[in-house]
């Protein structure tokens, strides 16, 4: 995956507002990459309630299926 090659930002020593801004920037980059290349979907199970497909990179979820 391309997002694995992005540099990891060490945010522990920065101000809270800077940390929030940088994490928001990383989230938007992940979403933009998914828009260009498509989602990397994997099955996701929610404790016996629901099964859905979730993107590994940006966290996008499909509506899924109920298991009740």
N, C-alpha and C. Protein backbone atom coordinates (compact mmCIF):
# COMPACT_ATOMS: atom_id res chain seq x y z
N UNK A 1 0.82 -1.17 0.00
CA UNK A 1 0.00 0.00 0.00
C UNK A 1 0.87 1.25 0.00
N UNK A 2 0.42 2.23 -0.71
CA UNK A 2 1.19 3.47 -0.84
C UNK A 2 1.28 4.22 0.49
N UNK A 3 0.21 4.17 1.30
CA UNK A 3 0.20 4.94 2.54
C UNK A 3 1.22 4.42 3.54
N UNK A 4 1.71 3.18 3.38
CA UNK A 4 2.74 2.67 4.26
C UNK A 4 4.07 3.37 4.02
N UNK A 5 4.24 3.99 2.86
CA UNK A 5 5.49 4.67 2.55
C UNK A 5 5.50 6.12 3.02
N UNK A 6 4.34 6.63 3.46
CA UNK A 6 4.29 8.00 3.97
C UNK A 6 5.07 8.07 5.28
N UNK A 7 5.79 9.15 5.51
CA UNK A 7 6.55 9.24 6.76
C UNK A 7 5.62 9.33 7.96
N UNK A 8 6.00 8.66 9.03
CA UNK A 8 5.23 8.71 10.26
C UNK A 8 5.55 10.03 10.97
N UNK A 9 4.52 10.73 11.38
CA UNK A 9 4.71 12.00 12.06
C UNK A 9 4.73 11.75 13.57
N UNK A 10 5.79 12.16 14.23
CA UNK A 10 5.88 12.03 15.68
C UNK A 10 5.26 13.26 16.30
N UNK A 11 4.09 13.09 16.89
CA UNK A 11 3.31 14.22 17.33
C UNK A 11 3.34 14.43 18.85
N UNK A 12 4.09 13.64 19.57
CA UNK A 12 4.02 13.70 21.03
C UNK A 12 4.59 15.00 21.60
N UNK A 13 5.56 15.63 20.95
CA UNK A 13 6.21 16.82 21.49
C UNK A 13 5.64 18.12 20.93
N UNK A 14 4.55 18.05 20.19
CA UNK A 14 4.00 19.27 19.59
C UNK A 14 2.79 19.75 20.38
N UNK A 15 2.39 20.97 20.12
CA UNK A 15 1.23 21.56 20.79
C UNK A 15 -0.04 20.83 20.35
N UNK A 16 -1.07 20.77 21.21
CA UNK A 16 -2.31 20.04 20.88
C UNK A 16 -2.97 20.50 19.58
N UNK A 17 -3.01 21.81 19.33
CA UNK A 17 -3.67 22.27 18.10
C UNK A 17 -2.86 21.87 16.86
N UNK A 18 -1.53 21.84 16.97
CA UNK A 18 -0.69 21.39 15.87
C UNK A 18 -0.87 19.90 15.63
N UNK A 19 -0.96 19.14 16.73
CA UNK A 19 -1.18 17.70 16.62
C UNK A 19 -2.48 17.42 15.89
N UNK A 20 -3.54 18.15 16.25
CA UNK A 20 -4.84 17.95 15.61
C UNK A 20 -4.77 18.30 14.12
N UNK A 21 -4.12 19.39 13.79
CA UNK A 21 -3.99 19.81 12.39
C UNK A 21 -3.22 18.79 11.57
N UNK A 22 -2.12 18.27 12.12
CA UNK A 22 -1.32 17.29 11.39
C UNK A 22 -2.05 15.97 11.23
N UNK A 23 -2.76 15.53 12.26
CA UNK A 23 -3.50 14.27 12.12
C UNK A 23 -4.65 14.42 11.13
N UNK A 24 -5.27 15.59 11.11
CA UNK A 24 -6.33 15.85 10.12
C UNK A 24 -5.75 15.86 8.71
N UNK A 25 -4.57 16.42 8.54
CA UNK A 25 -3.91 16.43 7.24
C UNK A 25 -3.60 15.01 6.78
N UNK A 26 -3.08 14.16 7.67
CA UNK A 26 -2.81 12.76 7.32
C UNK A 26 -4.09 12.04 6.92
N UNK A 27 -5.20 12.29 7.65
CA UNK A 27 -6.48 11.65 7.34
C UNK A 27 -6.96 12.06 5.96
N UNK A 28 -6.84 13.33 5.64
CA UNK A 28 -7.28 13.81 4.32
C UNK A 28 -6.41 13.26 3.19
N UNK A 29 -5.13 13.09 3.44
CA UNK A 29 -4.24 12.49 2.43
C UNK A 29 -4.65 11.05 2.17
N UNK A 30 -4.94 10.29 3.23
CA UNK A 30 -5.39 8.91 3.06
C UNK A 30 -6.67 8.83 2.24
N UNK A 31 -7.62 9.72 2.52
CA UNK A 31 -8.88 9.73 1.79
C UNK A 31 -8.65 10.08 0.33
N UNK A 32 -7.77 11.05 0.07
CA UNK A 32 -7.46 11.44 -1.31
C UNK A 32 -6.82 10.29 -2.07
N UNK A 33 -5.92 9.54 -1.42
CA UNK A 33 -5.29 8.40 -2.08
C UNK A 33 -6.31 7.33 -2.40
N UNK A 34 -7.27 7.12 -1.52
CA UNK A 34 -8.33 6.15 -1.81
C UNK A 34 -9.19 6.63 -2.98
N UNK A 35 -9.41 7.92 -3.07
CA UNK A 35 -10.20 8.45 -4.18
C UNK A 35 -9.49 8.22 -5.51
N UNK A 36 -8.17 8.28 -5.50
CA UNK A 36 -7.41 8.07 -6.73
C UNK A 36 -7.25 6.59 -7.09
N UNK A 37 -6.98 5.75 -6.10
CA UNK A 37 -6.62 4.36 -6.37
C UNK A 37 -7.68 3.35 -5.97
N UNK A 38 -8.70 3.76 -5.26
CA UNK A 38 -9.72 2.83 -4.77
C UNK A 38 -9.39 2.36 -3.36
N UNK A 39 -10.40 1.86 -2.69
CA UNK A 39 -10.24 1.41 -1.31
C UNK A 39 -9.62 0.03 -1.25
N UNK A 40 -8.88 -0.24 -0.16
CA UNK A 40 -8.36 -1.57 0.15
C UNK A 40 -9.30 -2.17 1.18
N UNK A 41 -10.33 -2.89 0.71
CA UNK A 41 -11.39 -3.36 1.60
C UNK A 41 -11.07 -4.72 2.19
N UNK A 42 -11.36 -4.86 3.47
CA UNK A 42 -11.25 -6.13 4.18
C UNK A 42 -12.53 -6.35 4.97
N UNK A 43 -12.84 -7.62 5.23
CA UNK A 43 -14.00 -7.93 6.05
C UNK A 43 -13.79 -7.43 7.47
N UNK A 44 -14.83 -6.86 8.05
CA UNK A 44 -14.78 -6.36 9.43
C UNK A 44 -15.99 -6.92 10.17
N UNK A 45 -15.75 -7.54 11.32
CA UNK A 45 -16.82 -8.13 12.13
C UNK A 45 -17.01 -7.31 13.39
N UNK A 46 -18.27 -7.04 13.74
CA UNK A 46 -18.59 -6.28 14.95
C UNK A 46 -19.33 -7.16 15.94
N UNK A 47 -18.65 -7.86 16.77
CA UNK A 47 -19.15 -8.67 17.89
C UNK A 47 -20.55 -9.25 17.68
N UNK A 48 -20.70 -10.03 16.65
CA UNK A 48 -21.94 -10.74 16.42
C UNK A 48 -23.12 -9.92 15.95
N UNK A 49 -22.93 -8.63 15.69
CA UNK A 49 -24.04 -7.79 15.26
C UNK A 49 -24.05 -7.53 13.77
N UNK A 50 -22.85 -7.33 13.20
CA UNK A 50 -22.79 -6.86 11.82
C UNK A 50 -21.49 -7.28 11.17
N UNK A 51 -21.54 -7.48 9.87
CA UNK A 51 -20.36 -7.75 9.05
C UNK A 51 -20.35 -6.69 7.95
N UNK A 52 -19.20 -6.07 7.72
CA UNK A 52 -19.10 -5.05 6.68
C UNK A 52 -17.72 -5.11 6.04
N UNK A 53 -17.53 -4.32 5.02
CA UNK A 53 -16.22 -4.15 4.40
C UNK A 53 -15.68 -2.80 4.85
N UNK A 54 -14.43 -2.78 5.36
CA UNK A 54 -13.81 -1.54 5.86
C UNK A 54 -12.49 -1.32 5.14
N UNK A 55 -12.25 -0.08 4.71
CA UNK A 55 -11.01 0.28 4.05
C UNK A 55 -9.88 0.34 5.08
N UNK A 56 -8.77 -0.30 4.77
CA UNK A 56 -7.62 -0.32 5.66
C UNK A 56 -6.99 1.06 5.78
N UNK A 57 -7.01 1.83 4.72
CA UNK A 57 -6.33 3.13 4.70
C UNK A 57 -7.13 4.26 5.34
N UNK A 58 -8.39 4.43 4.94
CA UNK A 58 -9.14 5.61 5.38
C UNK A 58 -10.27 5.29 6.34
N UNK A 59 -10.63 4.03 6.52
CA UNK A 59 -11.68 3.66 7.45
C UNK A 59 -13.09 3.70 6.88
N UNK A 60 -13.24 3.92 5.59
CA UNK A 60 -14.56 3.93 4.96
C UNK A 60 -15.22 2.56 5.16
N UNK A 61 -16.52 2.54 5.48
CA UNK A 61 -17.25 1.29 5.68
C UNK A 61 -18.42 1.21 4.72
N UNK A 62 -18.71 -0.01 4.26
CA UNK A 62 -19.91 -0.25 3.49
C UNK A 62 -21.07 -0.41 4.47
N UNK A 63 -22.32 -0.35 3.99
CA UNK A 63 -23.46 -0.52 4.91
C UNK A 63 -23.43 -1.84 5.66
N UNK A 64 -22.93 -2.88 5.04
CA UNK A 64 -22.76 -4.16 5.72
C UNK A 64 -24.03 -4.99 5.80
N UNK A 65 -23.92 -6.08 6.57
CA UNK A 65 -25.01 -7.03 6.72
C UNK A 65 -25.20 -7.30 8.20
N UNK A 66 -26.47 -7.41 8.60
CA UNK A 66 -26.79 -7.74 9.98
C UNK A 66 -26.68 -9.26 10.16
N UNK A 67 -26.16 -9.69 11.30
CA UNK A 67 -26.02 -11.13 11.56
C UNK A 67 -27.05 -11.63 12.55
N UNK A 68 -28.05 -10.84 12.84
CA UNK A 68 -29.10 -11.25 13.78
C UNK A 68 -30.17 -12.04 13.09
